[in-house]
Amino acid sequence: MALDVKDTIRLDTALSGQLPTDEYEVWIAGLADINYVPIVTRRTITGYLVVHRTMDSGDPLLLKDYHYQLVLTRAEYYQLVANIGKIMYFMPHYRDEADALTYRKVVVLQSISEAKPYDPMLDYWSATINVIDAAGNTVD
């Protein structure tokens, strides 16, 4: 199998084989990947800028956070609310499930927005999650 763009993400504290167990539907219009390097700057007393960066083998450490707008049932919404602050396994919407170890990441679920109705029958709800890169941590 090859790298595919899926309409779901995988996010859970448990694995089913090599894949995170829970799968959530993504509203493709609500995607954002944020790449950044942890940097702290300050000025010396003489005005020179001092830059502190997190480095990895001589290169700045590039981290990636994700913001997804999900389509959820109420049960899925409350499951995610219960997981706020937990360190979890995560696979983004672009992945190759046959090569799970390459695409599986460790993240912390930072926040979830208020659920808003997605359909008139109130079977599905829309909410935005913020997932923060937690490389180097162990899953709760």
C-alpha atoms as a PDB file:
ATOM      1  CA  MET A   1       0.000   0.000   0.000  1.00  0.00           C
ATOM      2  CA  ALA A   2       1.146   3.562  -0.572  1.00  0.00           C
ATOM      3  CA  LEU A   3       0.836   6.871   1.196  1.00  0.00           C
ATOM      4  CA  ASP A   4      -2.805   7.953   0.957  1.00  0.00           C
ATOM      5  CA  VAL A   5      -4.814  10.965   1.996  1.00  0.00           C
ATOM      6  CA  LYS A   6      -7.589   9.620   4.201  1.00  0.00           C
ATOM      7  CA  ASP A   7     -10.738  11.305   5.463  1.00  0.00           C
ATOM      8  CA  THR A   8      -9.928  10.110   8.992  1.00  0.00           C
ATOM      9  CA  ILE A   9      -7.245  10.443  11.647  1.00  0.00           C
ATOM     10  CA  ARG A  10      -6.291   7.846  14.248  1.00  0.00           C
ATOM     11  CA  LEU A  11      -5.870   8.995  17.866  1.00  0.00           C
ATOM     12  CA  ASP A  12      -5.856   6.792  20.969  1.00  0.00           C
ATOM     13  CA  THR A  13      -3.883   5.710  24.029  1.00  0.00           C
ATOM     14  CA  ALA A  14      -4.148   2.075  22.888  1.00  0.00           C
ATOM     15  CA  LEU A  15      -2.920   0.267  19.800  1.00  0.00           C
ATOM     16  CA  SER A  16      -4.672  -2.313  17.659  1.00  0.00           C
ATOM     17  CA  GLY A  17      -1.667  -4.045  16.130  1.00  0.00           C
ATOM     18  CA  GLN A  18       0.538  -1.083  15.208  1.00  0.00           C
ATOM     19  CA  LEU A  19      -2.350   1.369  14.648  1.00  0.00           C
ATOM     20  CA  PRO A  20      -4.033   3.654  17.201  1.00  0.00           C
ATOM     21  CA  THR A  21      -7.428   2.060  17.909  1.00  0.00           C
ATOM     22  CA  ASP A  22      -9.865   4.985  17.593  1.00  0.00           C
ATOM     23  CA  GLU A  23     -10.519   6.580  14.198  1.00  0.00           C
ATOM     24  CA  TYR A  24     -12.215   9.971  13.734  1.00  0.00           C
ATOM     25  CA  GLU A  25     -13.707  11.510  10.587  1.00  0.00           C
ATOM     26  CA  VAL A  26     -11.981  14.702   9.422  1.00  0.00           C
ATOM     27  CA  TRP A  27     -13.678  17.592   7.695  1.00  0.00           C
ATOM     28  CA  ILE A  28     -11.008  18.242   5.056  1.00  0.00           C
ATOM     29  CA  ALA A  29     -11.732  21.991   4.909  1.00  0.00           C
ATOM     30  CA  GLY A  30     -10.698  22.236   8.585  1.00  0.00           C
ATOM     31  CA  LEU A  31      -7.054  21.082   8.384  1.00  0.00           C
ATOM     32  CA  ALA A  32      -3.987  22.938   9.573  1.00  0.00           C
ATOM     33  CA  ASP A  33      -0.448  21.629  10.040  1.00  0.00           C
ATOM     34  CA  ILE A  34       1.824  24.008  11.921  1.00  0.00           C
ATOM     35  CA  ASN A  35       5.598  23.523  11.614  1.00  0.00           C
ATOM     36  CA  TYR A  36       7.789  25.308  14.155  1.00  0.00           C
ATOM     37  CA  VAL A  37      11.129  25.282  15.963  1.00  0.00           C
ATOM     38  CA  PRO A  38      11.092  25.992  19.723  1.00  0.00           C
ATOM     39  CA  ILE A  39      12.876  29.347  19.990  1.00  0.00           C
ATOM     40  CA  VAL A  40      13.346  31.758  22.890  1.00  0.00           C
ATOM     41  CA  THR A  41      14.852  35.177  22.221  1.00  0.00           C
ATOM     42  CA  ARG A  42      16.019  37.901  24.575  1.00  0.00           C
ATOM     43  CA  ARG A  43      18.100  41.026  24.382  1.00  0.00           C
ATOM     44  CA  THR A  44      21.361  41.565  26.248  1.00  0.00           C
ATOM     45  CA  ILE A  45      21.933  44.742  28.215  1.00  0.00           C
ATOM     46  CA  THR A  46      23.751  46.141  25.182  1.00  0.00           C
ATOM     47  CA  GLY A  47      20.826  45.350  22.867  1.00  0.00           C
ATOM     48  CA  TYR A  48      22.186  42.300  21.072  1.00  0.00           C
ATOM     49  CA  LEU A  49      19.701  39.547  20.309  1.00  0.00           C
ATOM     50  CA  VAL A  50      20.398  36.161  21.928  1.00  0.00           C
ATOM     51  CA  VAL A  51      18.603  33.223  20.328  1.00  0.00           C
ATOM     52  CA  HIS A  52      18.084  29.903  22.129  1.00  0.00           C
ATOM     53  CA  ARG A  53      16.890  27.045  19.896  1.00  0.00           C
ATOM     54  CA  THR A  54      16.261  23.375  20.468  1.00  0.00           C
ATOM     55  CA  MET A  55      18.787  21.542  18.318  1.00  0.00           C
ATOM     56  CA  ASP A  56      18.933  17.992  16.985  1.00  0.00           C
ATOM     57  CA  SER A  57      22.367  16.864  15.734  1.00  0.00           C
ATOM     58  CA  GLY A  58      23.342  20.413  14.823  1.00  0.00           C
ATOM     59  CA  ASP A  59      20.066  21.308  13.092  1.00  0.00           C
ATOM     60  CA  PRO A  60      17.082  23.111  14.611  1.00  0.00           C
ATOM     61  CA  LEU A  61      14.482  20.608  15.860  1.00  0.00           C
ATOM     62  CA  LEU A  62      11.392  20.939  13.663  1.00  0.00           C
ATOM     63  CA  LEU A  63       8.136  20.069  15.432  1.00  0.00           C
ATOM     64  CA  LYS A  64       4.679  19.772  13.906  1.00  0.00           C
ATOM     65  CA  ASP A  65       1.343  20.469  15.568  1.00  0.00           C
ATOM     66  CA  TYR A  66      -2.047  19.714  14.058  1.00  0.00           C
ATOM     67  CA  HIS A  67      -5.456  21.375  14.147  1.00  0.00           C
ATOM     68  CA  TYR A  68      -8.323  19.271  12.808  1.00  0.00           C
ATOM     69  CA  GLN A  69     -12.005  19.915  12.482  1.00  0.00           C
ATOM     70  CA  LEU A  70     -13.687  16.578  13.162  1.00  0.00           C
ATOM     71  CA  VAL A  71     -17.165  15.218  12.536  1.00  0.00           C
ATOM     72  CA  LEU A  72     -18.111  13.275  15.675  1.00  0.00           C
ATOM     73  CA  THR A  73     -20.941  11.481  17.372  1.00  0.00           C
ATOM     74  CA  ARG A  74     -21.697  12.728  20.889  1.00  0.00           C
ATOM     75  CA  ALA A  75     -20.003   9.612  22.327  1.00  0.00           C
ATOM     76  CA  GLU A  76     -16.824  10.288  20.317  1.00  0.00           C
ATOM     77  CA  TYR A  77     -16.878  13.929  21.441  1.00  0.00           C
ATOM     78  CA  TYR A  78     -17.049  12.999  25.124  1.00  0.00           C
ATOM     79  CA  GLN A  79     -14.325  10.372  24.641  1.00  0.00           C
ATOM     80  CA  LEU A  80     -12.022  13.075  23.254  1.00  0.00           C
ATOM     81  CA  VAL A  81     -12.958  15.430  26.123  1.00  0.00           C
ATOM     82  CA  ALA A  82     -11.914  12.677  28.558  1.00  0.00           C
ATOM     83  CA  ASN A  83      -8.545  12.420  26.749  1.00  0.00           C
ATOM     84  CA  ILE A  84      -7.611  16.126  26.955  1.00  0.00           C
ATOM     85  CA  GLY A  85      -4.091  16.426  28.340  1.00  0.00           C
ATOM     86  CA  LYS A  86      -3.203  12.785  27.699  1.00  0.00           C
ATOM     87  CA  ILE A  87      -0.200  11.712  25.677  1.00  0.00           C
ATOM     88  CA  MET A  88      -1.512   9.541  22.846  1.00  0.00           C
ATOM     89  CA  TYR A  89      -0.635   7.714  19.637  1.00  0.00           C
ATOM     90  CA  PHE A  90      -1.609   9.652  16.514  1.00  0.00           C
ATOM     91  CA  MET A  91      -1.661   9.074  12.769  1.00  0.00           C
ATOM     92  CA  PRO A  92      -2.503  12.092  10.573  1.00  0.00           C
ATOM     93  CA  HIS A  93      -4.875  12.104   7.612  1.00  0.00           C
ATOM     94  CA  TYR A  94      -2.014  11.394   5.185  1.00  0.00           C
ATOM     95  CA  ARG A  95      -0.577   8.002   6.052  1.00  0.00           C
ATOM     96  CA  ASP A  96       0.244   4.502   4.900  1.00  0.00           C
ATOM     97  CA  GLU A  97      -1.422   2.109   7.344  1.00  0.00           C
ATOM     98  CA  ALA A  98       0.748  -0.762   6.104  1.00  0.00           C
ATOM     99  CA  ASP A  99       3.800   1.198   7.358  1.00  0.00           C
ATOM    100  CA  ALA A 100       2.355   2.379  10.682  1.00  0.00           C
ATOM    101  CA  LEU A 101       5.676   2.894  12.476  1.00  0.00           C
ATOM    102  CA  THR A 102       6.752   5.530   9.938  1.00  0.00           C
ATOM    103  CA  TYR A 103       3.555   7.590  10.244  1.00  0.00           C
ATOM    104  CA  ARG A 104       2.609   7.013  13.898  1.00  0.00           C
ATOM    105  CA  LYS A 105       3.503   9.904  16.201  1.00  0.00           C
ATOM    106  CA  VAL A 106       3.274  10.605  19.918  1.00  0.00           C
ATOM    107  CA  VAL A 107       1.204  13.711  20.670  1.00  0.00           C
ATOM    108  CA  VAL A 108      -0.708  15.374  23.475  1.00  0.00           C
ATOM    109  CA  LEU A 109      -4.352  16.305  22.929  1.00  0.00           C
ATOM    110  CA  GLN A 110      -4.205  19.936  24.044  1.00  0.00           C
ATOM    111  CA  SER A 111      -7.807  21.045  23.568  1.00  0.00           C
ATOM    112  CA  ILE A 112     -11.144  20.443  21.899  1.00  0.00           C
ATOM    113  CA  SER A 113     -13.627  23.139  20.999  1.00  0.00           C
ATOM    114  CA  GLU A 114     -17.295  23.255  21.833  1.00  0.00           C
ATOM    115  CA  ALA A 115     -19.338  20.762  19.803  1.00  0.00           C
ATOM    116  CA  LYS A 116     -21.596  22.342  17.188  1.00  0.00           C
ATOM    117  CA  PRO A 117     -24.398  20.537  15.329  1.00  0.00           C
ATOM    118  CA  TYR A 118     -23.290  19.129  11.975  1.00  0.00           C
ATOM    119  CA  ASP A 119     -26.627  17.744  10.778  1.00  0.00           C
ATOM    120  CA  PRO A 120     -30.269  18.642  11.509  1.00  0.00           C
ATOM    121  CA  MET A 121     -30.963  15.312  13.247  1.00  0.00           C
ATOM    122  CA  LEU A 122     -28.179  16.061  15.778  1.00  0.00           C
ATOM    123  CA  ASP A 123     -26.550  12.687  15.143  1.00  0.00           C
ATOM    124  CA  TYR A 124     -23.211  14.266  14.267  1.00  0.00           C
ATOM    125  CA  TRP A 125     -21.343  17.216  15.728  1.00  0.00           C
ATOM    126  CA  SER A 126     -18.359  19.275  14.595  1.00  0.00           C
ATOM    127  CA  ALA A 127     -15.460  20.160  16.895  1.00  0.00           C
ATOM    128  CA  THR A 128     -11.874  21.327  16.418  1.00  0.00           C
ATOM    129  CA  ILE A 129      -8.988  19.601  18.199  1.00  0.00           C
ATOM    130  CA  ASN A 130      -5.450  20.845  18.795  1.00  0.00           C
ATOM    131  CA  VAL A 131      -2.814  18.105  18.827  1.00  0.00           C
ATOM    132  CA  ILE A 132       0.709  19.023  19.978  1.00  0.00           C
ATOM    133  CA  ASP A 133       3.870  17.118  19.036  1.00  0.00           C
ATOM    134  CA  ALA A 134       5.115  15.170  22.104  1.00  0.00           C
ATOM    135  CA  ALA A 135       8.079  13.350  20.558  1.00  0.00           C
ATOM    136  CA  GLY A 136      10.212  11.652  23.195  1.00  0.00           C
ATOM    137  CA  ASN A 137       7.356  11.122  25.678  1.00  0.00           C
ATOM    138  CA  THR A 138       5.644   7.858  26.572  1.00  0.00           C
ATOM    139  CA  VAL A 139       1.937   7.287  26.053  1.00  0.00           C
ATOM    140  CA  ASP A 140      -0.338   7.527  29.140  1.00  0.00           C
END
